[in-house]
């Protein structure tokens, strides 16, 4: 008899310690999603987590569901979370200099991007335009010349017309910007705009939960969504509205689908379309050459029976690629305000 079968199931997640709960969470997420999380840990953390995973024993299915429900409740109620920006800042302040702490907190609180100009390219164009309209035209010209052209065009279109024309004229006459001027503009933006924007920005816990649900397979998603609908129908509805699924790829225009096709491996796409609806298949076939569509149809037909989890993982991979392209402003995903915000 297998050793695991001799071990009694733990009846409640309350009997588990923090590391054991983390181990259980990893096992429940599945290999693909757990691997993405584990690779972000350091060696010691991986060792401790691995030990707890290996010695966890058998856990009753009901206890697994209870643990996820506990997790959902903890995320939904922000006050119950231990890890916050403020608590992180207080901890760093005990071991680092003030300037170092401020720099680190600015990086993790601010819009995504490695440099100041990357960050500005990820700031909502309306927010950025509202700030720049009070600056000197020459300063705005420098900023718009440094950020991504597609983002600069949107910001420029939202500025007052006369002011925008003046900015355009300054950009046309602009030569190489002196490093001192560029550094001054960057410092000003960092201290007066990005930092204030970061402090006012907090991710909605429902958005976080929607991303987690997006990575569940359909069976797991359905189970937890049903449980959440019973306990908190309003939160369940909000999470549903924020989720972005494989079917939502229909909100991408033809040019976007064609770009997505160039980024997704053909084998993954074939698996993703294995059990997809005729509408979803046609979405991709219609944006391919006749020859390429024929080859993809043959690849799909040649696939053996697939596990639902394998199809779900392939579809999640396609969705993740689409979201990455949307975040890079390379494709546009149409939809309501809430749905758009979930992709940012």
Protein backbone atom coordinates (compact mmCIF):
# COMPACT_ATOMS: atom_id res chain seq x y z
CA UNK A 1 0.00 0.00 0.00
CA UNK A 2 1.39 3.47 -0.88
CA UNK A 3 2.78 5.41 2.08
CA UNK A 4 0.43 8.34 1.30
CA UNK A 5 -2.63 6.11 1.66
CA UNK A 6 -1.66 5.34 5.26
CA UNK A 7 -1.51 8.98 6.25
CA UNK A 8 -4.73 10.46 7.66
CA UNK A 9 -6.18 13.46 5.85
CA UNK A 10 -5.87 16.72 7.69
CA UNK A 11 -9.42 17.85 8.36
CA UNK A 12 -9.02 21.60 8.38
CA UNK A 13 -6.62 24.22 7.00
CA UNK A 14 -6.56 25.77 10.48
CA UNK A 15 -4.40 22.80 11.55
CA UNK A 16 -1.81 23.75 8.93
CA UNK A 17 1.00 26.21 9.52
CA UNK A 18 1.88 28.98 7.07
CA UNK A 19 4.56 27.03 5.12
CA UNK A 20 2.22 24.04 4.86
CA UNK A 21 -0.56 26.25 3.50
CA UNK A 22 1.87 27.62 0.91
CA UNK A 23 2.84 24.08 -0.05
CA UNK A 24 -0.80 23.04 -0.38
CA UNK A 25 -1.54 26.10 -2.49
CA UNK A 26 1.31 25.24 -4.87
CA UNK A 27 0.14 21.66 -5.27
CA UNK A 28 -3.45 22.76 -5.89
CA UNK A 29 -2.45 25.32 -8.55
CA UNK A 30 -0.83 22.64 -10.71
CA UNK A 31 2.65 22.32 -12.20
CA UNK A 32 2.52 25.18 -14.73
CA UNK A 33 1.21 27.91 -12.43
CA UNK A 34 3.23 26.71 -9.43
CA UNK A 35 6.43 26.71 -11.51
CA UNK A 36 5.89 30.38 -12.39
CA UNK A 37 5.70 31.22 -8.68
CA UNK A 38 8.53 28.94 -7.50
CA UNK A 39 11.05 30.38 -9.95
CA UNK A 40 10.60 33.77 -8.24
CA UNK A 41 11.75 32.39 -4.86
CA UNK A 42 15.32 32.18 -3.61
CA UNK A 43 17.11 28.90 -2.96
CA UNK A 44 16.32 28.72 0.77
CA UNK A 45 12.64 29.49 0.19
CA UNK A 46 12.43 26.80 -2.48
CA UNK A 47 14.07 24.27 -0.15
CA UNK A 48 11.64 25.02 2.71
CA UNK A 49 8.67 24.95 0.36
CA UNK A 50 9.81 21.68 -1.23
CA UNK A 51 10.21 20.04 2.17
CA UNK A 52 6.68 21.02 3.15
CA UNK A 53 5.29 19.84 -0.19
CA UNK A 54 7.04 16.48 0.14
CA UNK A 55 5.88 15.89 3.73
CA UNK A 56 2.37 17.31 3.48
CA UNK A 57 0.62 13.96 3.29
CA UNK A 58 -2.95 13.47 2.11
CA UNK A 59 -5.30 16.45 2.42
CA UNK A 60 -9.05 16.00 2.10
CA UNK A 61 -10.65 17.72 -0.91
CA UNK A 62 -12.94 19.67 1.40
CA UNK A 63 -9.93 21.08 3.24
CA UNK A 64 -8.38 22.20 -0.03
CA UNK A 65 -11.57 24.08 -0.87
CA UNK A 66 -11.67 25.59 2.63
CA UNK A 67 -8.08 26.82 2.24
CA UNK A 68 -8.88 28.53 -1.07
CA UNK A 69 -12.01 30.06 0.42
CA UNK A 70 -9.87 31.36 3.29
CA UNK A 71 -7.43 32.78 0.74
CA UNK A 72 -10.22 34.44 -1.24
CA UNK A 73 -11.60 36.04 1.91
CA UNK A 74 -8.15 37.26 2.94
CA UNK A 75 -7.51 38.86 -0.44
CA UNK A 76 -11.01 40.36 -0.60
CA UNK A 77 -10.58 42.04 2.77
CA UNK A 78 -7.47 44.15 2.27
CA UNK A 79 -7.20 44.82 5.99
CA UNK A 80 -6.58 41.13 6.64
CA UNK A 81 -3.44 41.05 4.49
CA UNK A 82 -0.08 41.05 6.21
CA UNK A 83 1.98 42.17 3.23
CA UNK A 84 1.29 45.81 2.30
CA UNK A 85 3.31 48.67 0.86
CA UNK A 86 3.30 50.42 4.24
CA UNK A 87 4.43 47.33 6.16
CA UNK A 88 7.11 46.67 3.55
CA UNK A 89 8.34 50.25 3.78
CA UNK A 90 8.50 50.06 7.57
CA UNK A 91 10.53 46.85 7.37
CA UNK A 92 12.97 48.26 4.81
CA UNK A 93 13.42 51.39 6.91
CA UNK A 94 14.92 49.25 9.66
CA UNK A 95 17.76 47.96 7.46
CA UNK A 96 18.30 50.53 4.68
CA UNK A 97 19.00 54.21 4.32
CA UNK A 98 16.02 56.51 3.73
CA UNK A 99 16.99 57.30 0.11
CA UNK A 100 17.37 53.60 -0.70
CA UNK A 101 13.97 52.81 0.79
CA UNK A 102 12.32 55.60 -1.17
CA UNK A 103 13.88 54.41 -4.41
CA UNK A 104 12.81 50.80 -3.87
CA UNK A 105 9.27 51.74 -2.86
CA UNK A 106 8.94 54.02 -5.86
CA UNK A 107 9.98 51.18 -8.14
CA UNK A 108 7.51 48.67 -6.74
CA UNK A 109 4.67 51.15 -6.30
CA UNK A 110 5.02 52.93 -9.62
CA UNK A 111 3.66 51.94 -13.03
CA UNK A 112 5.54 49.00 -14.57
CA UNK A 113 8.73 49.72 -16.49
CA UNK A 114 12.49 49.64 -16.03
CA UNK A 115 13.17 53.35 -16.64
CA UNK A 116 11.29 56.56 -16.01
CA UNK A 117 10.28 56.71 -19.66
CA UNK A 118 9.08 53.09 -19.58
CA UNK A 119 6.96 54.01 -16.58
CA UNK A 120 5.44 57.03 -18.32
CA UNK A 121 4.53 54.86 -21.29
CA UNK A 122 2.43 52.74 -18.91
CA UNK A 123 0.59 55.68 -17.33
CA UNK A 124 -2.94 56.25 -18.56
CA UNK A 125 -2.81 58.87 -21.34
CA UNK A 126 -5.58 60.96 -19.75
CA UNK A 127 -3.75 61.11 -16.42
CA UNK A 128 -0.47 62.03 -18.10
CA UNK A 129 -2.08 64.69 -20.32
CA UNK A 130 -3.80 66.25 -17.31
CA UNK A 131 -0.42 66.64 -15.60
CA UNK A 132 1.53 67.85 -18.65
CA UNK A 133 -0.98 70.54 -19.63
CA UNK A 134 0.33 72.62 -16.70
CA UNK A 135 3.99 72.30 -17.75
CA UNK A 136 6.06 74.40 -20.17
CA UNK A 137 5.62 73.36 -23.85
CA UNK A 138 9.36 72.64 -24.09
CA UNK A 139 9.16 70.25 -21.12
CA UNK A 140 6.18 68.48 -22.65
CA UNK A 141 8.04 68.23 -25.96
CA UNK A 142 10.96 66.51 -24.22
CA UNK A 143 8.64 64.05 -22.47
CA UNK A 144 6.64 63.15 -25.59
CA UNK A 145 9.84 62.68 -27.56
CA UNK A 146 11.06 60.12 -25.02
CA UNK A 147 7.98 57.94 -24.58
CA UNK A 148 6.53 55.46 -27.07
CA UNK A 149 5.10 57.18 -30.19
CA UNK A 150 1.73 55.43 -29.93
CA UNK A 151 1.35 56.66 -26.34
CA UNK A 152 2.65 60.14 -27.19
CA UNK A 153 0.01 60.48 -29.92
CA UNK A 154 -2.80 59.73 -27.48
CA UNK A 155 -1.45 62.18 -24.89
CA UNK A 156 -0.98 64.91 -27.50
CA UNK A 157 -4.55 64.50 -28.74
CA UNK A 158 -5.85 65.13 -25.20
CA UNK A 159 -3.96 68.40 -24.65
CA UNK A 160 -5.66 71.79 -25.34
CA UNK A 161 -5.36 72.41 -29.09
CA UNK A 162 -3.28 75.60 -29.04
CA UNK A 163 -0.99 74.18 -26.40
CA UNK A 164 -0.64 70.91 -28.33
CA UNK A 165 0.34 72.79 -31.53
CA UNK A 166 2.99 74.70 -29.60
CA UNK A 167 4.34 71.37 -28.29
CA UNK A 168 4.44 69.98 -31.84
CA UNK A 169 6.41 73.04 -33.02
CA UNK A 170 8.90 72.60 -30.16
CA UNK A 171 9.30 68.91 -31.03
CA UNK A 172 9.96 69.76 -34.69
CA UNK A 173 12.67 72.25 -33.72
CA UNK A 174 14.14 70.01 -31.05
CA UNK A 175 17.74 68.93 -31.43
CA UNK A 176 19.79 66.80 -29.06
CA UNK A 177 18.60 67.49 -25.51
CA UNK A 178 21.40 68.31 -23.09
CA UNK A 179 21.91 65.65 -20.45
CA UNK A 180 21.50 68.18 -17.64
CA UNK A 181 18.09 69.24 -18.95
CA UNK A 182 16.98 65.65 -19.44
CA UNK A 183 18.11 64.72 -15.92
CA UNK A 184 16.23 67.71 -14.49
CA UNK A 185 13.01 66.75 -16.32
CA UNK A 186 13.38 63.16 -15.18
CA UNK A 187 13.96 64.16 -11.54
CA UNK A 188 10.96 66.46 -11.60
CA UNK A 189 8.71 63.80 -13.05
CA UNK A 190 9.98 61.25 -10.56
CA UNK A 191 9.42 63.42 -7.49
CA UNK A 192 6.30 65.34 -8.49
CA UNK A 193 4.37 62.93 -10.68
CA UNK A 194 5.33 59.24 -10.50
CA UNK A 195 5.74 59.18 -6.72
CA UNK A 196 2.39 60.92 -6.10
CA UNK A 197 0.73 58.68 -8.67
CA UNK A 198 2.20 55.61 -6.98
CA UNK A 199 0.96 56.66 -3.57
CA UNK A 200 -2.57 57.12 -4.87
CA UNK A 201 -2.56 53.80 -6.68
CA UNK A 202 -3.62 50.60 -4.95
CA UNK A 203 -4.55 47.45 -6.83
CA UNK A 204 -8.11 46.37 -6.26
CA UNK A 205 -8.24 42.98 -4.53
CA UNK A 206 -10.92 41.88 -7.00
CA UNK A 207 -8.49 42.48 -9.87
CA UNK A 208 -5.89 40.34 -8.12
CA UNK A 209 -8.46 37.61 -7.57
CA UNK A 210 -9.62 37.79 -11.20
CA UNK A 211 -6.05 37.13 -12.36
CA UNK A 212 -5.83 34.14 -10.02
CA UNK A 213 -9.14 32.77 -11.31
CA UNK A 214 -7.92 33.28 -14.88
CA UNK A 215 -5.15 30.78 -14.18
CA UNK A 216 -7.42 28.07 -12.78
CA UNK A 217 -8.49 25.22 -15.04
CA UNK A 218 -12.20 25.27 -15.81
CA UNK A 219 -13.14 22.67 -13.22
CA UNK A 220 -11.28 24.44 -10.40
CA UNK A 221 -12.58 27.82 -11.48
CA UNK A 222 -16.16 26.57 -11.51
CA UNK A 223 -15.81 25.00 -8.07
CA UNK A 224 -14.42 28.10 -6.40
CA UNK A 225 -16.70 30.48 -8.25
CA UNK A 226 -19.73 28.49 -7.09
CA UNK A 227 -18.50 28.60 -3.49
CA UNK A 228 -17.86 32.35 -3.72
CA UNK A 229 -21.29 32.96 -5.27
CA UNK A 230 -22.86 31.37 -2.20
CA UNK A 231 -20.78 33.38 0.29
CA UNK A 232 -20.46 36.72 -1.51
CA UNK A 233 -22.48 37.07 -4.74
CA UNK A 234 -21.44 40.69 -5.35
CA UNK A 235 -17.72 39.84 -5.23
CA UNK A 236 -18.30 36.84 -7.48
CA UNK A 237 -20.04 39.04 -10.06
CA UNK A 238 -17.27 41.64 -9.94
CA UNK A 239 -14.56 39.01 -10.41
CA UNK A 240 -16.43 37.56 -13.38
CA UNK A 241 -16.56 41.01 -14.99
CA UNK A 242 -12.82 41.49 -14.49
CA UNK A 243 -11.76 38.08 -15.78
CA UNK A 244 -10.31 37.78 -19.27
CA UNK A 245 -10.90 34.38 -20.84
CA UNK A 246 -10.04 32.60 -24.06
CA UNK A 247 -13.46 33.51 -25.47
CA UNK A 248 -12.69 37.19 -24.83
CA UNK A 249 -10.05 37.05 -27.58
CA UNK A 250 -12.99 37.86 -29.89
CA UNK A 251 -12.60 41.45 -28.63
CA UNK A 252 -9.32 41.75 -30.57
CA UNK A 253 -9.47 43.09 -34.12
CA UNK A 254 -8.10 41.27 -37.15
CA UNK A 255 -4.71 43.00 -37.10
CA UNK A 256 -4.32 42.11 -33.43
CA UNK A 257 -5.18 38.45 -34.02
CA UNK A 258 -2.62 38.30 -36.84
CA UNK A 259 0.06 39.68 -34.52
CA UNK A 260 -1.01 37.21 -31.83
CA UNK A 261 -0.68 34.35 -34.34
CA UNK A 262 2.94 35.33 -34.97
CA UNK A 263 3.69 35.18 -31.24
CA UNK A 264 1.95 31.92 -30.27
CA UNK A 265 3.66 28.58 -31.08
CA UNK A 266 1.58 26.58 -33.59
CA UNK A 267 1.56 23.50 -31.35
CA UNK A 268 0.09 25.50 -28.45
CA UNK A 269 -2.56 27.08 -30.68
CA UNK A 270 -3.60 23.68 -32.03
CA UNK A 271 -4.11 22.34 -28.50
CA UNK A 272 -5.93 25.53 -27.44
CA UNK A 273 -8.38 25.13 -30.32
CA UNK A 274 -8.84 21.38 -29.80
CA UNK A 275 -12.16 21.72 -27.95
CA UNK A 276 -12.86 25.35 -28.84
CA UNK A 277 -16.14 26.53 -30.34
CA UNK A 278 -16.53 26.96 -34.10
CA UNK A 279 -16.63 30.72 -33.52
CA UNK A 280 -13.22 30.73 -31.80
CA UNK A 281 -11.69 28.49 -34.45
CA UNK A 282 -12.99 30.71 -37.23
CA UNK A 283 -11.57 33.77 -35.45
CA UNK A 284 -8.08 32.38 -36.03
CA UNK A 285 -8.66 30.61 -39.36
CA UNK A 286 -10.06 33.78 -40.94
CA UNK A 287 -6.91 35.71 -40.06
CA UNK A 288 -4.53 33.17 -41.62
CA UNK A 289 -3.67 32.35 -45.18
CA UNK A 290 -5.71 29.55 -46.72
CA UNK A 291 -2.68 27.26 -46.65
CA UNK A 292 -1.81 28.05 -43.03
CA UNK A 293 -5.43 27.57 -41.94
CA UNK A 294 -5.54 24.19 -43.70
CA UNK A 295 -2.34 23.07 -41.96
CA UNK A 296 -3.66 24.18 -38.56
CA UNK A 297 -6.91 22.28 -39.12
CA UNK A 298 -4.89 19.16 -39.96
CA UNK A 299 -2.77 19.62 -36.83
CA UNK A 300 -5.91 19.90 -34.68
CA UNK A 301 -7.46 16.82 -36.28
CA UNK A 302 -4.26 14.82 -35.73
CA UNK A 303 -4.18 15.53 -32.00
CA UNK A 304 -5.04 12.60 -29.73
CA UNK A 305 -7.73 12.99 -27.05
CA UNK A 306 -6.54 15.74 -24.71
CA UNK A 307 -7.01 16.22 -21.00
CA UNK A 308 -9.12 19.27 -20.14
CA UNK A 309 -6.25 20.60 -18.03
CA UNK A 310 -3.85 20.47 -21.03
CA UNK A 311 -6.31 22.38 -23.22
CA UNK A 312 -6.91 24.93 -20.45
CA UNK A 313 -3.16 25.47 -20.02
CA UNK A 314 -2.72 26.03 -23.76
CA UNK A 315 -5.61 28.50 -23.84
CA UNK A 316 -4.19 30.30 -20.77
CA UNK A 317 -0.88 30.61 -22.60
CA UNK A 318 -2.56 32.23 -25.61
CA UNK A 319 -4.47 34.61 -23.32
CA UNK A 320 -1.27 35.51 -21.44
CA UNK A 321 0.44 36.37 -24.73
CA UNK A 322 -2.51 38.55 -25.77
CA UNK A 323 -2.44 40.40 -22.45
CA UNK A 324 1.32 40.98 -22.75
CA UNK A 325 0.83 42.45 -26.23
CA UNK A 326 -1.97 44.66 -24.91
CA UNK A 327 0.19 45.89 -22.03
CA UNK A 328 2.90 46.76 -24.57
CA UNK A 329 0.29 48.73 -26.56
CA UNK A 330 0.88 46.48 -29.57
CA UNK A 331 -2.72 45.29 -29.79
CA UNK A 332 -6.02 46.72 -28.56
CA UNK A 333 -8.62 44.69 -26.68
CA UNK A 334 -12.03 46.30 -26.96
CA UNK A 335 -14.40 46.29 -24.01
CA UNK A 336 -15.79 48.19 -21.03
CA UNK A 337 -13.76 50.29 -18.63
CA UNK A 338 -13.56 47.60 -15.98
CA UNK A 339 -12.35 45.01 -18.47
CA UNK A 340 -9.74 47.35 -19.88
CA UNK A 341 -8.41 48.16 -16.41
CA UNK A 342 -7.97 44.47 -15.67
CA UNK A 343 -5.41 44.27 -18.46
CA UNK A 344 -3.27 47.22 -17.36
